[in-house]
Amino acid sequence: MKYIASVSFGKDSLAMLLILIEKGMPLDEVIFYNTGMEFQAIYDVCKKVRKILKKNNIIYTELKPSTTFLYKMLKKNVQKRDGATQCGYGICGGKCRWGTNDKNIAISKYLKQKYGNEYYEYIGIAADEQKRIDQRRPPTKLLPLVEWNMTEKDCLEYCYKHQFYWEENGIRLYEVLDRVSCWCCSNKNKKELDNMFYYLPNYYLKIIGLLKEIKRNNKRDSIVVKKVEEFYLKML
């Protein structure tokens, strides 16, 4: 059996990975699904961790979407339930988490093709994420953070202790964001959006640009876009 860790290089999956290595637990490969829409801090952390993986003879594999994230968001010809078509899936988040779905499919396909059924996959779900813990999943998916009773706070503290800070422009992203997911994710709450406006204006303005382009692509009446606009555009 092979042991693989799916790592986004956010606080939870990174803490999981570092502890797996620290404990000398079986780990053959690390998979990172690169959407191309991550914060630069994620890529910086990834670069730093790859040196640790190389030192420990752990394979690093980077998967990418078959078509770019922006193409699927803005340009792909999408047929709606009523038979009409639109350009792109639009904002990813809420009930329309097409990016997450693409990620899960890509990782599962890769693992099946490479290992068949002879693998276990470590997943970085923290001990206090009860809704995610309760989701049904195959026995091949392991939740070590739950076994170690490590909460999201514990994971962040562990990463800070090991000098991983997710810094951009002097700002530690986890000090202003609850989750360092894709910078364009519409699941960000009001506090996060306000902090992006004040501390990460370059990303905030890029999101505004995406919203404007979605409107040009005949999705002006989308409930998702309208909801996100309420948060973003009120600040301007």
C-alpha atoms as a PDB file:
ATOM      1  CA  MET A   1       0.000   0.000   0.000  1.00  0.00           C
ATOM      2  CA  LYS A   2       1.107   3.536  -0.782  1.00  0.00           C
ATOM      3  CA  TYR A   3       0.393   6.556   1.402  1.00  0.00           C
ATOM      4  CA  ILE A   4      -0.375   9.896  -0.238  1.00  0.00           C
ATOM      5  CA  ALA A   5      -1.106  13.288   1.334  1.00  0.00           C
ATOM      6  CA  SER A   6      -3.380  15.761  -0.434  1.00  0.00           C
ATOM      7  CA  VAL A   7      -2.004  19.150   0.564  1.00  0.00           C
ATOM      8  CA  SER A   8      -3.294  22.627  -0.287  1.00  0.00           C
ATOM      9  CA  PHE A   9      -0.457  24.243   1.722  1.00  0.00           C
ATOM     10  CA  GLY A  10      -2.968  25.994   3.937  1.00  0.00           C
ATOM     11  CA  LYS A  11      -2.557  25.713   7.720  1.00  0.00           C
ATOM     12  CA  ASP A  12      -4.405  22.431   8.309  1.00  0.00           C
ATOM     13  CA  SER A  13      -2.973  20.309   5.513  1.00  0.00           C
ATOM     14  CA  LEU A  14       0.510  21.754   6.084  1.00  0.00           C
ATOM     15  CA  ALA A  15       0.413  20.951   9.799  1.00  0.00           C
ATOM     16  CA  MET A  16      -0.742  17.435   8.910  1.00  0.00           C
ATOM     17  CA  LEU A  17       2.104  16.993   6.438  1.00  0.00           C
ATOM     18  CA  LEU A  18       4.808  18.283   8.780  1.00  0.00           C
ATOM     19  CA  ILE A  19       3.616  16.068  11.630  1.00  0.00           C
ATOM     20  CA  LEU A  20       3.434  13.002   9.391  1.00  0.00           C
ATOM     21  CA  ILE A  21       7.086  13.578   8.534  1.00  0.00           C
ATOM     22  CA  GLU A  22       8.000  14.394  12.133  1.00  0.00           C
ATOM     23  CA  LYS A  23       6.400  11.183  13.395  1.00  0.00           C
ATOM     24  CA  GLY A  24       8.019   9.103  10.665  1.00  0.00           C
ATOM     25  CA  MET A  25       4.650   7.864   9.468  1.00  0.00           C
ATOM     26  CA  PRO A  26       4.398   6.207   6.037  1.00  0.00           C
ATOM     27  CA  LEU A  27       4.276   8.832   3.290  1.00  0.00           C
ATOM     28  CA  ASP A  28       5.214   8.185  -0.324  1.00  0.00           C
ATOM     29  CA  GLU A  29       3.820  11.158  -2.203  1.00  0.00           C
ATOM     30  CA  VAL A  30       2.359  14.630  -1.737  1.00  0.00           C
ATOM     31  CA  ILE A  31      -0.217  15.966  -4.206  1.00  0.00           C
ATOM     32  CA  PHE A  32      -0.935  19.655  -4.702  1.00  0.00           C
ATOM     33  CA  TYR A  33      -3.785  20.703  -7.004  1.00  0.00           C
ATOM     34  CA  ASN A  34      -2.738  24.075  -8.394  1.00  0.00           C
ATOM     35  CA  THR A  35      -5.751  26.101  -9.538  1.00  0.00           C
ATOM     36  CA  GLY A  36      -3.526  28.989 -10.594  1.00  0.00           C
ATOM     37  CA  MET A  37      -5.670  31.214  -8.375  1.00  0.00           C
ATOM     38  CA  GLU A  38      -3.915  30.748  -5.043  1.00  0.00           C
ATOM     39  CA  PHE A  39      -2.455  33.550  -2.961  1.00  0.00           C
ATOM     40  CA  GLN A  40       1.249  34.060  -3.665  1.00  0.00           C
ATOM     41  CA  ALA A  41       1.913  33.092  -0.042  1.00  0.00           C
ATOM     42  CA  ILE A  42       0.636  29.574  -0.793  1.00  0.00           C
ATOM     43  CA  TYR A  43       3.158  29.184  -3.601  1.00  0.00           C
ATOM     44  CA  ASP A  44       5.916  30.520  -1.356  1.00  0.00           C
ATOM     45  CA  VAL A  45       5.064  27.963   1.347  1.00  0.00           C
ATOM     46  CA  CYS A  46       4.907  25.219  -1.259  1.00  0.00           C
ATOM     47  CA  LYS A  47       8.391  26.098  -2.528  1.00  0.00           C
ATOM     48  CA  LYS A  48       9.771  25.962   1.010  1.00  0.00           C
ATOM     49  CA  VAL A  49       8.100  22.620   1.781  1.00  0.00           C
ATOM     50  CA  ARG A  50       9.340  20.988  -1.424  1.00  0.00           C
ATOM     51  CA  LYS A  51      12.868  21.211  -0.052  1.00  0.00           C
ATOM     52  CA  ILE A  52      11.730  19.240   3.011  1.00  0.00           C
ATOM     53  CA  LEU A  53      10.056  16.636   0.799  1.00  0.00           C
ATOM     54  CA  LYS A  54      13.169  16.234  -1.314  1.00  0.00           C
ATOM     55  CA  LYS A  55      15.291  15.777   1.804  1.00  0.00           C
ATOM     56  CA  ASN A  56      12.945  13.005   2.966  1.00  0.00           C
ATOM     57  CA  ASN A  57      12.692  11.322  -0.469  1.00  0.00           C
ATOM     58  CA  ILE A  58       8.966  12.035  -0.736  1.00  0.00           C
ATOM     59  CA  ILE A  59       7.544  12.466  -4.236  1.00  0.00           C
ATOM     60  CA  TYR A  60       5.937  15.826  -4.993  1.00  0.00           C
ATOM     61  CA  THR A  61       3.223  15.898  -7.662  1.00  0.00           C
ATOM     62  CA  GLU A  62       1.445  18.991  -8.919  1.00  0.00           C
ATOM     63  CA  LEU A  63      -1.874  18.619 -10.716  1.00  0.00           C
ATOM     64  CA  LYS A  64      -3.541  21.371 -12.735  1.00  0.00           C
ATOM     65  CA  PRO A  65      -6.979  21.852 -14.307  1.00  0.00           C
ATOM     66  CA  SER A  66      -7.327  20.429 -17.832  1.00  0.00           C
ATOM     67  CA  THR A  67      -8.448  23.915 -18.876  1.00  0.00           C
ATOM     68  CA  THR A  68      -7.539  27.041 -16.954  1.00  0.00           C
ATOM     69  CA  PHE A  69      -9.618  28.184 -13.996  1.00  0.00           C
ATOM     70  CA  LEU A  70     -10.340  31.520 -15.678  1.00  0.00           C
ATOM     71  CA  TYR A  71     -11.529  29.822 -18.864  1.00  0.00           C
ATOM     72  CA  LYS A  72     -14.095  27.785 -16.925  1.00  0.00           C
ATOM     73  CA  MET A  73     -15.094  30.801 -14.859  1.00  0.00           C
ATOM     74  CA  LEU A  74     -15.500  33.269 -17.733  1.00  0.00           C
ATOM     75  CA  LYS A  75     -15.542  31.666 -21.181  1.00  0.00           C
ATOM     76  CA  LYS A  76     -16.591  28.006 -21.235  1.00  0.00           C
ATOM     77  CA  ASN A  77     -19.903  27.446 -23.026  1.00  0.00           C
ATOM     78  CA  VAL A  78     -22.200  26.245 -20.215  1.00  0.00           C
ATOM     79  CA  GLN A  79     -25.718  24.946 -20.772  1.00  0.00           C
ATOM     80  CA  LYS A  80     -28.187  25.877 -18.034  1.00  0.00           C
ATOM     81  CA  ARG A  81     -31.067  23.714 -16.807  1.00  0.00           C
ATOM     82  CA  ASP A  82     -33.570  25.734 -18.790  1.00  0.00           C
ATOM     83  CA  GLY A  83     -31.671  25.013 -22.018  1.00  0.00           C
ATOM     84  CA  ALA A  84     -30.110  28.465 -22.291  1.00  0.00           C
ATOM     85  CA  THR A  85     -26.339  28.891 -22.442  1.00  0.00           C
ATOM     86  CA  GLN A  86     -23.953  31.226 -20.662  1.00  0.00           C
ATOM     87  CA  CYS A  87     -20.254  32.037 -20.849  1.00  0.00           C
ATOM     88  CA  GLY A  88     -18.479  30.394 -17.946  1.00  0.00           C
ATOM     89  CA  TYR A  89     -19.609  28.950 -14.623  1.00  0.00           C
ATOM     90  CA  GLY A  90     -19.072  32.289 -12.914  1.00  0.00           C
ATOM     91  CA  ILE A  91     -17.929  32.776  -9.324  1.00  0.00           C
ATOM     92  CA  CYS A  92     -16.861  29.585  -7.551  1.00  0.00           C
ATOM     93  CA  GLY A  93     -18.285  29.132  -4.062  1.00  0.00           C
ATOM     94  CA  GLY A  94     -21.463  28.499  -2.119  1.00  0.00           C
ATOM     95  CA  LYS A  95     -23.560  25.792  -3.779  1.00  0.00           C
ATOM     96  CA  CYS A  96     -21.660  26.260  -7.049  1.00  0.00           C
ATOM     97  CA  ARG A  97     -18.246  24.957  -5.983  1.00  0.00           C
ATOM     98  CA  TRP A  98     -17.239  23.747  -9.408  1.00  0.00           C
ATOM     99  CA  GLY A  99     -13.554  24.373  -8.680  1.00  0.00           C
ATOM    100  CA  THR A 100     -13.607  22.083  -5.650  1.00  0.00           C
ATOM    101  CA  ASN A 101     -15.416  19.443  -7.652  1.00  0.00           C
ATOM    102  CA  ASP A 102     -12.770  19.622 -10.405  1.00  0.00           C
ATOM    103  CA  LYS A 103     -10.038  19.274  -7.787  1.00  0.00           C
ATOM    104  CA  ASN A 104     -11.569  16.188  -6.169  1.00  0.00           C
ATOM    105  CA  ILE A 105     -12.155  14.504  -9.518  1.00  0.00           C
ATOM    106  CA  ALA A 106      -8.615  15.221 -10.726  1.00  0.00           C
ATOM    107  CA  ILE A 107      -6.972  13.874  -7.568  1.00  0.00           C
ATOM    108  CA  SER A 108      -9.152  10.745  -7.460  1.00  0.00           C
ATOM    109  CA  LYS A 109      -8.501  10.041 -11.142  1.00  0.00           C
ATOM    110  CA  TYR A 110      -4.752  10.451 -10.680  1.00  0.00           C
ATOM    111  CA  LEU A 111      -4.629   8.146  -7.664  1.00  0.00           C
ATOM    112  CA  LYS A 112      -6.763   5.457  -9.315  1.00  0.00           C
ATOM    113  CA  GLN A 113      -4.665   5.482 -12.468  1.00  0.00           C
ATOM    114  CA  LYS A 114      -1.375   5.317 -10.573  1.00  0.00           C
ATOM    115  CA  TYR A 115      -2.212   3.066  -7.638  1.00  0.00           C
ATOM    116  CA  GLY A 116      -5.492   1.331  -8.423  1.00  0.00           C
ATOM    117  CA  ASN A 117      -6.943   0.485  -5.016  1.00  0.00           C
ATOM    118  CA  GLU A 118      -3.579   0.112  -3.318  1.00  0.00           C
ATOM    119  CA  TYR A 119      -3.330   3.433  -1.508  1.00  0.00           C
ATOM    120  CA  TYR A 120      -4.400   5.504   1.472  1.00  0.00           C
ATOM    121  CA  GLU A 121      -4.921   9.254   1.184  1.00  0.00           C
ATOM    122  CA  TYR A 122      -4.283  11.611   4.104  1.00  0.00           C
ATOM    123  CA  ILE A 123      -6.780  14.497   4.221  1.00  0.00           C
ATOM    124  CA  GLY A 124      -6.177  17.666   6.276  1.00  0.00           C
ATOM    125  CA  ILE A 125      -9.501  18.008   8.085  1.00  0.00           C
ATOM    126  CA  ALA A 126      -9.121  19.444  11.590  1.00  0.00           C
ATOM    127  CA  ALA A 127     -10.711  17.952  14.710  1.00  0.00           C
ATOM    128  CA  ASP A 128     -13.163  20.847  15.119  1.00  0.00           C
ATOM    129  CA  GLU A 129     -14.544  20.720  11.565  1.00  0.00           C
ATOM    130  CA  GLN A 130     -17.454  18.495  12.539  1.00  0.00           C
ATOM    131  CA  LYS A 131     -19.494  18.950   9.367  1.00  0.00           C
ATOM    132  CA  ARG A 132     -16.581  17.847   7.202  1.00  0.00           C
ATOM    133  CA  ILE A 133     -15.757  14.969   9.541  1.00  0.00           C
ATOM    134  CA  ASP A 134     -19.334  13.690   9.320  1.00  0.00           C
ATOM    135  CA  GLN A 135     -19.307  13.532   5.526  1.00  0.00           C
ATOM    136  CA  ARG A 136     -19.299  10.020   4.097  1.00  0.00           C
ATOM    137  CA  ARG A 137     -15.992   9.012   2.523  1.00  0.00           C
ATOM    138  CA  PRO A 138     -14.273   5.759   1.531  1.00  0.00           C
ATOM    139  CA  PRO A 139     -12.051   4.020   4.116  1.00  0.00           C
ATOM    140  CA  THR A 140      -9.001   4.830   1.980  1.00  0.00           C
ATOM    141  CA  LYS A 141      -9.221   8.476   3.113  1.00  0.00           C
ATOM    142  CA  LEU A 142      -7.509   9.043   6.455  1.00  0.00           C
ATOM    143  CA  LEU A 143      -8.011  11.966   8.847  1.00  0.00           C
ATOM    144  CA  PRO A 144      -4.868  12.121  11.020  1.00  0.00           C
ATOM    145  CA  LEU A 145      -5.635  15.567  12.468  1.00  0.00           C
ATOM    146  CA  VAL A 146      -8.872  14.169  13.879  1.00  0.00           C
ATOM    147  CA  GLU A 147      -6.997  11.220  15.384  1.00  0.00           C
ATOM    148  CA  TRP A 148      -4.495  13.622  16.945  1.00  0.00           C
ATOM    149  CA  ASN A 149      -7.334  15.894  18.155  1.00  0.00           C
ATOM    150  CA  MET A 150      -5.758  18.913  16.466  1.00  0.00           C
ATOM    151  CA  THR A 151      -8.088  21.863  15.954  1.00  0.00           C
ATOM    152  CA  GLU A 152      -7.678  24.571  13.316  1.00  0.00           C
ATOM    153  CA  LYS A 153      -6.133  26.814  15.979  1.00  0.00           C
ATOM    154  CA  ASP A 154      -3.686  24.060  16.937  1.00  0.00           C
ATOM    155  CA  CYS A 155      -2.684  23.649  13.299  1.00  0.00           C
ATOM    156  CA  LEU A 156      -1.978  27.351  12.830  1.00  0.00           C
ATOM    157  CA  GLU A 157       0.045  27.516  16.030  1.00  0.00           C
ATOM    158  CA  TYR A 158       2.040  24.461  14.948  1.00  0.00           C
ATOM    159  CA  CYS A 159       2.821  26.032  11.572  1.00  0.00           C
ATOM    160  CA  TYR A 160       3.841  29.332  13.150  1.00  0.00           C
ATOM    161  CA  LYS A 161       6.084  27.445  15.548  1.00  0.00           C
ATOM    162  CA  HIS A 162       7.800  25.907  12.527  1.00  0.00           C
ATOM    163  CA  GLN A 163       8.181  29.321  10.853  1.00  0.00           C
ATOM    164  CA  PHE A 164       5.467  29.151   8.232  1.00  0.00           C
ATOM    165  CA  TYR A 165       3.603  32.479   8.285  1.00  0.00           C
ATOM    166  CA  TRP A 166       1.871  32.997   4.880  1.00  0.00           C
ATOM    167  CA  GLU A 167       3.113  36.567   4.596  1.00  0.00           C
ATOM    168  CA  GLU A 168       2.408  39.033   1.791  1.00  0.00           C
ATOM    169  CA  ASN A 169       3.380  42.699   1.950  1.00  0.00           C
ATOM    170  CA  GLY A 170       4.148  42.334   5.644  1.00  0.00           C
ATOM    171  CA  ILE A 171       0.696  40.887   6.364  1.00  0.00           C
ATOM    172  CA  ARG A 172       0.186  37.387   7.762  1.00  0.00           C
ATOM    173  CA  LEU A 173      -2.794  36.183   5.769  1.00  0.00           C
ATOM    174  CA  TYR A 174      -4.234  34.125   8.621  1.00  0.00           C
ATOM    175  CA  GLU A 175      -4.365  37.266  10.727  1.00  0.00           C
ATOM    176  CA  VAL A 176      -6.867  38.831   8.300  1.00  0.00           C
ATOM    177  CA  LEU A 177      -8.487  35.770   6.683  1.00  0.00           C
ATOM    178  CA  ASP A 178     -10.155  32.733   8.241  1.00  0.00           C
ATOM    179  CA  ARG A 179      -9.094  30.535   5.313  1.00  0.00           C
ATOM    180  CA  VAL A 180      -6.351  31.087   2.790  1.00  0.00           C
ATOM    181  CA  SER A 181      -8.210  29.442  -0.078  1.00  0.00           C
ATOM    182  CA  CYS A 182      -8.324  30.785  -3.646  1.00  0.00           C
ATOM    183  CA  TRP A 183      -8.221  34.577  -3.559  1.00  0.00           C
ATOM    184  CA  CYS A 184     -11.366  34.733  -5.727  1.00  0.00           C
ATOM    185  CA  CYS A 185     -13.471  32.341  -3.607  1.00  0.00           C
ATOM    186  CA  SER A 186     -16.950  33.718  -2.920  1.00  0.00           C
ATOM    187  CA  ASN A 187     -17.182  31.892   0.426  1.00  0.00           C
ATOM    188  CA  LYS A 188     -15.298  34.678   2.195  1.00  0.00           C
ATOM    189  CA  ASN A 189     -17.270  36.319   4.982  1.00  0.00           C
ATOM    190  CA  LYS A 190     -17.746  40.038   5.586  1.00  0.00           C
ATOM    191  CA  LYS A 191     -14.753  40.316   7.915  1.00  0.00           C
ATOM    192  CA  GLU A 192     -12.489  38.689   5.354  1.00  0.00           C
ATOM    193  CA  LEU A 193     -13.761  40.876   2.523  1.00  0.00           C
ATOM    194  CA  ASP A 194     -13.307  44.031   4.566  1.00  0.00           C
ATOM    195  CA  ASN A 195      -9.765  42.978   5.457  1.00  0.00           C
ATOM    196  CA  MET A 196      -8.963  42.205   1.831  1.00  0.00           C
ATOM    197  CA  PHE A 197     -10.082  45.715   0.912  1.00  0.00           C
ATOM    198  CA  TYR A 198      -7.827  47.306   3.545  1.00  0.00           C
ATOM    199  CA  TYR A 199      -4.829  44.952   3.630  1.00  0.00           C
ATOM    200  CA  LEU A 200      -4.832  43.108   0.281  1.00  0.00           C
ATOM    201  CA  PRO A 201      -6.203  45.675  -2.192  1.00  0.00           C
ATOM    202  CA  ASN A 202      -4.413  44.128  -5.181  1.00  0.00           C
ATOM    203  CA  TYR A 203      -6.462  40.936  -4.808  1.00  0.00           C
ATOM    204  CA  TYR A 204      -9.635  42.872  -4.022  1.00  0.00           C
ATOM    205  CA  LEU A 205      -9.373  44.857  -7.251  1.00  0.00           C
ATOM    206  CA  LYS A 206      -8.738  41.678  -9.251  1.00  0.00           C
ATOM    207  CA  ILE A 207     -11.981  40.243  -7.866  1.00  0.00           C
ATOM    208  CA  ILE A 208     -13.842  43.386  -8.939  1.00  0.00           C
ATOM    209  CA  GLY A 209     -12.387  42.901 -12.422  1.00  0.00           C
ATOM    210  CA  LEU A 210     -13.641  39.316 -12.538  1.00  0.00           C
ATOM    211  CA  LEU A 211     -17.138  40.381 -11.475  1.00  0.00           C
ATOM    212  CA  LYS A 212     -17.273  43.001 -14.212  1.00  0.00           C
ATOM    213  CA  GLU A 213     -16.227  40.435 -16.805  1.00  0.00           C
ATOM    214  CA  ILE A 214     -18.839  37.954 -15.579  1.00  0.00           C
ATOM    215  CA  LYS A 215     -21.485  40.642 -16.051  1.00  0.00           C
ATOM    216  CA  ARG A 216     -20.309  41.200 -19.620  1.00  0.00           C
ATOM    217  CA  ASN A 217     -20.685  37.449 -20.193  1.00  0.00           C
ATOM    218  CA  ASN A 218     -24.477  37.594 -19.826  1.00  0.00           C
ATOM    219  CA  LYS A 219     -24.621  36.523 -16.205  1.00  0.00           C
ATOM    220  CA  ARG A 220     -25.721  39.866 -14.799  1.00  0.00           C
ATOM    221  CA  ASP A 221     -28.851  38.417 -13.241  1.00  0.00           C
ATOM    222  CA  SER A 222     -27.068  35.562 -11.493  1.00  0.00           C
ATOM    223  CA  ILE A 223     -28.008  35.286  -7.804  1.00  0.00           C
ATOM    224  CA  VAL A 224     -24.419  34.339  -7.019  1.00  0.00           C
ATOM    225  CA  VAL A 225     -22.951  37.431  -8.684  1.00  0.00           C
ATOM    226  CA  LYS A 226     -25.485  39.740  -7.067  1.00  0.00           C
ATOM    227  CA  LYS A 227     -24.751  38.314  -3.632  1.00  0.00           C
ATOM    228  CA  VAL A 228     -21.008  38.737  -4.041  1.00  0.00           C
ATOM    229  CA  GLU A 229     -21.433  42.257  -5.410  1.00  0.00           C
ATOM    230  CA  GLU A 230     -23.237  43.278  -2.240  1.00  0.00           C
ATOM    231  CA  PHE A 231     -20.034  42.602  -0.335  1.00  0.00           C
ATOM    232  CA  TYR A 232     -17.427  43.856  -2.785  1.00  0.00           C
ATOM    233  CA  LEU A 233     -18.893  46.850  -4.539  1.00  0.00           C
ATOM    234  CA  LYS A 234     -20.219  48.572  -1.419  1.00  0.00           C
ATOM    235  CA  MET A 235     -16.629  49.354  -0.456  1.00  0.00           C
ATOM    236  CA  LEU A 236     -15.896  51.376  -3.589  1.00  0.00           C
END
